[in-house]
Amino acid sequence: MHILKAGLIKSGNFWLHTILHNIIDYSDFQYESFIQNQPIYEAAKKLNLNLFKGQININFLDITKNAVFYRLGNVFRYPVDDIDGYINSCSVVWTHAPMSSNVVNIIQKFDKVVYIVRDPRDVLISWSNFVFSPYMQRYYPYIISDETDPETYLNNNLKTIVSDWMNHVGAYLKYQKYLNIHFVFYERLVHNFDRELDKILEYLEIDLDEKARAEIKEKVSLNSMKKDSPNHIRKGQLAQWVDILTDAQKEEVLEMATPLLKLLNYPLNSQIDTLPELPEKFPENLNLPDGKVVLLKPSNH
């Protein structure tokens, strides 16, 4: 089995990747890895890639409109000349790639595609803290301009981050049915992990007994992952935005993202009484902040 895990950064990607990796380990499928069989892998073991446990083992794919690259953190990036061979040598591949015609073509080569979504207001907070982490300060110092703290960064970059969220999530929604993408909501994973794990297993067509499911749940719990990867796992809480964002910031997010928040059943105020979910019926189109109108019912495929 060859699985593509996709999502915007700071949406719970590491958590979902760890879940999928464990599912493969406990299944009848043999885990395969492209990166572990590359010459750079042994050299990379000596590098200080300490964002999270096992980072060096991630099969990470950058997909642009015209090219595909595999990479190791921010220290190595190389073109993939044979994408079919690459996919066939990987059990789970991680990408943050925004949707494009090239992404559509590559997604169709995978057996399964799992996409994770998180409330953009919590993404804002997690993203703004992450850019000040030791890892980001070392490998991506240019991301910060005049900001000196997460609060200032969040305020200065709110529109950009929310726009990225809308464009990323909205574009994958467009192809959800056509590409048979399984959407996982971060909030639902936190609220009822067992149920969401069942849904993932059903989508992957993998059957695991109760013992295996319980062991996976323990291995991917917040406490376990925080202990293994303290530089990457911060709080993992739901609706942090209610207490952290200012009223003006909350309103600014709503001015931009209300249509997509409503479509996915995210709360529009500070009273958190619903969980996100895919709509039963998709609208014909969705306006995104880049000025494009995304047709959510592609008719030419």
Protein backbone atom coordinates (compact mmCIF):
# COMPACT_ATOMS: atom_id res chain seq x y z
CA MET A 1 0.00 0.00 0.00
CA HIS A 2 1.21 3.50 -0.89
CA ILE A 3 -0.36 6.39 1.06
CA LEU A 4 0.00 10.14 0.53
CA LYS A 5 -0.55 12.26 3.65
CA ALA A 6 -1.19 15.92 2.86
CA GLY A 7 -2.04 19.08 4.76
CA LEU A 8 -1.09 22.68 5.40
CA ILE A 9 1.74 23.11 7.89
CA LYS A 10 0.87 23.20 11.62
CA SER A 11 -2.37 21.30 11.06
CA GLY A 12 -1.41 18.08 12.86
CA ASN A 13 0.63 16.54 10.04
CA PHE A 14 3.20 14.91 12.32
CA TRP A 15 0.45 13.35 14.41
CA LEU A 16 -1.38 11.96 11.38
CA HIS A 17 1.85 10.71 9.79
CA THR A 18 2.72 8.87 13.01
CA ILE A 19 -0.74 7.31 13.09
CA LEU A 20 -0.43 6.11 9.49
CA HIS A 21 3.08 4.79 10.07
CA ASN A 22 1.87 2.79 13.06
CA ILE A 23 -1.10 1.45 11.14
CA ILE A 24 1.24 0.07 8.48
CA ASP A 25 3.52 -1.40 11.15
CA TYR A 26 0.60 -3.25 12.74
CA SER A 27 -0.92 -4.37 9.43
CA ASP A 28 0.01 -7.16 7.07
CA PHE A 29 1.74 -4.64 4.80
CA GLN A 30 5.50 -4.27 4.95
CA TYR A 31 6.71 -0.73 5.63
CA GLU A 32 8.84 0.59 2.77
CA SER A 33 10.98 3.73 2.61
CA PHE A 34 12.66 5.44 -0.32
CA ILE A 35 14.81 7.80 1.74
CA GLN A 36 16.32 5.06 3.89
CA ASN A 37 17.82 3.50 0.75
CA GLN A 38 19.48 6.69 -0.54
CA PRO A 39 23.22 7.46 -0.12
CA ILE A 40 22.37 10.75 1.61
CA TYR A 41 20.56 8.87 4.39
CA GLU A 42 23.69 7.64 6.19
CA ALA A 43 25.33 11.07 5.96
CA ALA A 44 22.17 12.75 7.23
CA LYS A 45 22.24 10.69 10.41
CA LYS A 46 25.15 12.86 11.54
CA LEU A 47 23.20 16.08 11.03
CA ASN A 48 21.31 17.83 13.78
CA LEU A 49 17.81 17.25 12.40
CA ASN A 50 16.02 17.28 15.71
CA LEU A 51 12.66 18.85 14.95
CA PHE A 52 10.87 15.64 15.87
CA LYS A 53 11.72 12.02 16.49
CA GLY A 54 12.32 10.12 13.27
CA GLN A 55 12.42 13.22 11.08
CA ILE A 56 15.25 11.74 9.05
CA ASN A 57 13.04 8.76 8.14
CA ILE A 58 10.20 10.79 6.65
CA ASN A 59 9.61 10.38 2.93
CA PHE A 60 8.85 14.03 2.27
CA LEU A 61 7.80 15.17 -1.19
CA ASP A 62 7.83 18.73 -2.54
CA ILE A 63 5.50 19.04 -5.53
CA THR A 64 5.61 22.21 -7.60
CA LYS A 65 3.65 22.97 -10.74
CA ASN A 66 6.46 21.64 -12.93
CA ALA A 67 8.68 19.41 -10.79
CA VAL A 68 8.89 16.98 -7.87
CA PHE A 69 11.61 16.79 -5.21
CA TYR A 70 12.33 14.56 -2.25
CA ARG A 71 14.05 16.17 0.70
CA LEU A 72 15.47 15.82 4.20
CA GLY A 73 14.37 18.73 6.37
CA ASN A 74 15.99 21.88 5.02
CA VAL A 75 19.43 20.36 4.42
CA PHE A 76 18.88 18.26 1.29
CA ARG A 77 16.54 18.50 -1.70
CA TYR A 78 16.86 16.53 -4.92
CA PRO A 79 14.66 16.01 -8.02
CA VAL A 80 12.61 12.84 -8.34
CA ASP A 81 13.28 11.57 -11.85
CA ASP A 82 11.07 8.48 -11.58
CA ILE A 83 7.93 9.34 -9.62
CA ASP A 84 6.39 5.90 -10.14
CA GLY A 85 9.52 4.23 -8.77
CA TYR A 86 9.56 6.64 -5.84
CA ILE A 87 5.94 5.98 -4.91
CA ASN A 88 6.35 2.21 -5.27
CA SER A 89 9.22 2.32 -2.75
CA CYS A 90 7.26 4.27 -0.10
CA SER A 91 4.51 3.17 2.25
CA VAL A 92 3.69 6.68 3.52
CA VAL A 93 4.66 9.96 1.84
CA TRP A 94 4.26 13.38 3.47
CA THR A 95 3.58 16.55 1.49
CA HIS A 96 2.49 20.14 2.15
CA ALA A 97 2.09 20.80 -1.57
CA PRO A 98 -0.77 23.14 -2.54
CA MET A 99 -3.10 21.72 -5.15
CA SER A 100 -2.09 22.04 -8.80
CA SER A 101 -2.50 20.02 -12.00
CA ASN A 102 0.82 18.33 -11.22
CA VAL A 103 -0.37 17.41 -7.73
CA VAL A 104 -3.60 15.99 -9.18
CA ASN A 105 -1.61 13.82 -11.58
CA ILE A 106 0.68 12.55 -8.82
CA ILE A 107 -2.11 11.93 -6.31
CA GLN A 108 -3.77 9.57 -8.77
CA LYS A 109 -0.70 7.33 -8.59
CA PHE A 110 -1.18 6.65 -4.87
CA ASP A 111 -3.46 3.97 -3.47
CA LYS A 112 -4.83 6.25 -0.76
CA VAL A 113 -4.69 9.97 0.10
CA VAL A 114 -5.35 11.31 3.61
CA TYR A 115 -5.65 15.08 4.17
CA ILE A 116 -5.68 16.78 7.59
CA VAL A 117 -7.51 20.01 8.41
CA ARG A 118 -7.30 22.17 11.51
CA ASP A 119 -9.14 25.34 12.54
CA PRO A 120 -7.22 28.20 10.88
CA ARG A 121 -7.30 30.22 14.10
CA ASP A 122 -5.38 27.51 15.92
CA VAL A 123 -3.10 27.12 12.88
CA LEU A 124 -2.33 30.84 13.24
CA ILE A 125 -1.22 30.40 16.84
CA SER A 126 0.76 27.21 16.25
CA TRP A 127 2.44 28.65 13.13
CA SER A 128 3.42 31.88 14.90
CA ASN A 129 5.01 30.00 17.80
CA PHE A 130 6.72 27.53 15.50
CA VAL A 131 8.67 30.15 13.54
CA PHE A 132 10.44 31.10 16.78
CA SER A 133 11.44 27.52 17.60
CA PRO A 134 15.19 26.67 17.64
CA TYR A 135 14.78 24.52 14.52
CA MET A 136 13.14 27.29 12.48
CA GLN A 137 15.55 29.91 13.80
CA ARG A 138 18.43 27.77 12.62
CA TYR A 139 17.17 26.62 9.21
CA TYR A 140 14.59 29.27 8.24
CA PRO A 141 15.70 32.55 9.88
CA TYR A 142 14.60 34.56 6.85
CA ILE A 143 10.91 33.86 7.56
CA ILE A 144 10.94 36.45 10.34
CA SER A 145 11.42 40.07 9.25
CA ASP A 146 11.01 42.66 12.00
CA GLU A 147 9.01 40.47 14.39
CA THR A 148 10.54 39.70 17.77
CA ASP A 149 7.85 37.47 19.30
CA PRO A 150 4.97 35.16 18.25
CA GLU A 151 2.30 37.75 19.05
CA THR A 152 3.78 40.34 16.71
CA TYR A 153 4.37 37.75 14.01
CA LEU A 154 0.76 36.55 14.24
CA ASN A 155 -0.63 40.05 13.93
CA ASN A 156 1.61 40.93 10.97
CA ASN A 157 1.00 37.69 9.10
CA LEU A 158 -2.62 36.89 9.94
CA LYS A 159 -3.98 37.63 6.47
CA THR A 160 -1.27 35.63 4.72
CA ILE A 161 -1.68 32.56 6.91
CA VAL A 162 -5.48 32.55 6.73
CA SER A 163 -5.30 33.02 2.95
CA ASP A 164 -2.90 30.08 2.71
CA TRP A 165 -5.30 27.98 4.77
CA MET A 166 -8.29 28.86 2.60
CA ASN A 167 -6.47 28.25 -0.67
CA HIS A 168 -4.91 24.98 0.52
CA VAL A 169 -8.00 23.48 2.13
CA GLY A 170 -10.41 24.82 -0.49
CA ALA A 171 -8.41 23.39 -3.39
CA TYR A 172 -8.19 19.91 -1.82
CA LEU A 173 -11.92 20.05 -1.12
CA LYS A 174 -12.47 20.64 -4.83
CA TYR A 175 -10.90 17.26 -5.61
CA GLN A 176 -12.09 15.39 -2.52
CA LYS A 177 -14.59 13.20 -4.34
CA TYR A 178 -12.77 12.91 -7.65
CA LEU A 179 -9.51 11.78 -6.02
CA ASN A 180 -11.21 9.91 -3.15
CA ILE A 181 -9.34 11.93 -0.52
CA HIS A 182 -10.09 11.02 3.09
CA PHE A 183 -10.37 14.18 5.21
CA VAL A 184 -9.27 14.00 8.84
CA PHE A 185 -10.17 16.87 11.14
CA TYR A 186 -7.66 17.58 13.89
CA GLU A 187 -10.44 18.52 16.28
CA ARG A 188 -12.21 15.20 15.79
CA LEU A 189 -8.98 13.29 16.41
CA VAL A 190 -8.66 15.04 19.75
CA HIS A 191 -12.34 14.69 20.64
CA ASN A 192 -12.82 11.00 19.79
CA PHE A 193 -9.61 9.33 18.67
CA ASP A 194 -11.04 5.81 18.60
CA ARG A 195 -13.81 6.76 16.19
CA GLU A 196 -11.48 8.65 13.86
CA LEU A 197 -8.99 5.78 13.88
CA ASP A 198 -11.82 3.46 12.86
CA LYS A 199 -12.67 5.77 9.97
CA ILE A 200 -9.05 5.89 8.80
CA LEU A 201 -8.77 2.11 8.97
CA GLU A 202 -12.01 1.70 7.05
CA TYR A 203 -10.79 4.07 4.33
CA LEU A 204 -7.44 2.28 4.12
CA GLU A 205 -9.25 -1.07 4.07
CA ILE A 206 -7.07 -2.34 6.90
CA ASP A 207 -8.44 -4.40 9.77
CA LEU A 208 -6.66 -4.29 13.12
CA ASP A 209 -7.68 -6.01 16.32
CA GLU A 210 -8.49 -4.15 19.54
CA LYS A 211 -5.03 -4.78 21.00
CA ALA A 212 -3.31 -3.17 18.00
CA ARG A 213 -5.68 -0.20 18.06
CA ALA A 214 -5.08 0.36 21.76
CA GLU A 215 -1.31 0.21 21.31
CA ILE A 216 -1.44 2.69 18.43
CA LYS A 217 -3.57 5.02 20.55
CA GLU A 218 -0.99 4.93 23.34
CA LYS A 219 1.98 5.43 20.99
CA VAL A 220 0.42 8.50 19.35
CA SER A 221 -0.99 10.07 22.50
CA LEU A 222 -0.02 13.67 23.18
CA ASN A 223 2.05 12.73 26.23
CA SER A 224 4.00 10.05 24.35
CA MET A 225 4.68 12.23 21.31
CA LYS A 226 5.52 15.26 23.45
CA LYS A 227 8.06 13.19 25.37
CA ASP A 228 9.67 11.95 22.14
CA SER A 229 9.54 15.27 20.25
CA PRO A 230 9.51 18.21 22.70
CA ASN A 231 10.85 20.57 20.04
CA HIS A 232 7.82 20.03 17.81
CA ILE A 233 4.86 19.17 20.02
CA ARG A 234 3.77 22.22 22.00
CA LYS A 235 0.27 21.95 23.46
CA GLY A 236 -2.00 20.18 21.01
CA GLN A 237 -5.06 21.85 22.53
CA LEU A 238 -8.34 22.68 20.88
CA ALA A 239 -9.70 26.21 20.39
CA GLN A 240 -6.67 28.02 21.79
CA TRP A 241 -7.77 30.93 19.64
CA VAL A 242 -10.73 31.67 21.92
CA ASP A 243 -8.43 32.92 24.69
CA ILE A 244 -5.39 34.02 22.67
CA LEU A 245 -6.68 35.96 19.67
CA THR A 246 -7.93 39.48 20.22
CA ASP A 247 -11.48 40.43 19.24
CA ALA A 248 -10.09 42.37 16.29
CA GLN A 249 -8.07 39.36 15.10
CA LYS A 250 -11.08 37.04 15.44
CA GLU A 251 -13.15 39.43 13.36
CA GLU A 252 -10.45 39.72 10.73
CA VAL A 253 -10.38 35.93 10.35
CA LEU A 254 -14.16 35.82 10.00
CA GLU A 255 -14.14 38.53 7.33
CA MET A 256 -11.84 36.34 5.26
CA ALA A 257 -12.81 32.77 6.07
CA THR A 258 -16.49 32.65 7.08
CA PRO A 259 -17.70 30.82 3.93
CA LEU A 260 -15.19 28.00 4.31
CA LEU A 261 -15.54 27.87 8.11
CA LYS A 262 -19.31 27.52 7.75
CA LEU A 263 -18.95 24.92 5.00
CA LEU A 264 -16.80 22.78 7.31
CA ASN A 265 -18.99 23.44 10.37
CA TYR A 266 -16.31 25.32 12.31
CA PRO A 267 -17.70 27.67 15.01
CA LEU A 268 -18.00 31.33 14.08
CA ASN A 269 -17.91 32.58 17.67
CA SER A 270 -16.22 31.69 20.93
CA GLN A 271 -18.91 29.21 21.94
CA ILE A 272 -17.38 25.89 20.86
CA ASP A 273 -20.36 23.58 20.57
CA THR A 274 -19.80 21.87 17.22
CA LEU A 275 -17.19 19.70 15.56
CA PRO A 276 -16.01 20.21 11.97
CA GLU A 277 -17.15 17.83 9.26
CA LEU A 278 -17.43 17.56 5.50
CA PRO A 279 -20.74 18.90 4.19
CA GLU A 280 -23.30 16.45 2.83
CA LYS A 281 -23.75 18.71 -0.16
CA PHE A 282 -21.01 20.83 -1.67
CA PRO A 283 -21.81 24.25 -3.12
CA GLU A 284 -21.14 24.76 -6.80
CA ASN A 285 -18.22 27.08 -6.07
CA LEU A 286 -16.20 28.71 -3.32
CA ASN A 287 -14.55 32.13 -3.36
CA LEU A 288 -10.93 32.02 -2.22
CA PRO A 289 -8.74 34.94 -1.09
CA ASP A 290 -6.47 34.75 -4.13
CA GLY A 291 -9.39 36.00 -6.18
CA LYS A 292 -10.19 32.65 -7.77
CA VAL A 293 -13.56 30.98 -7.73
CA VAL A 294 -13.00 27.27 -7.07
CA LEU A 295 -15.59 24.96 -8.58
CA LEU A 296 -16.20 22.31 -5.94
CA LYS A 297 -17.86 20.04 -8.46
CA PRO A 298 -15.26 19.44 -11.19
CA SER A 299 -17.17 18.36 -14.28
CA ASN A 300 -14.36 17.52 -16.68
CA HIS A 301 -12.90 14.50 -14.88
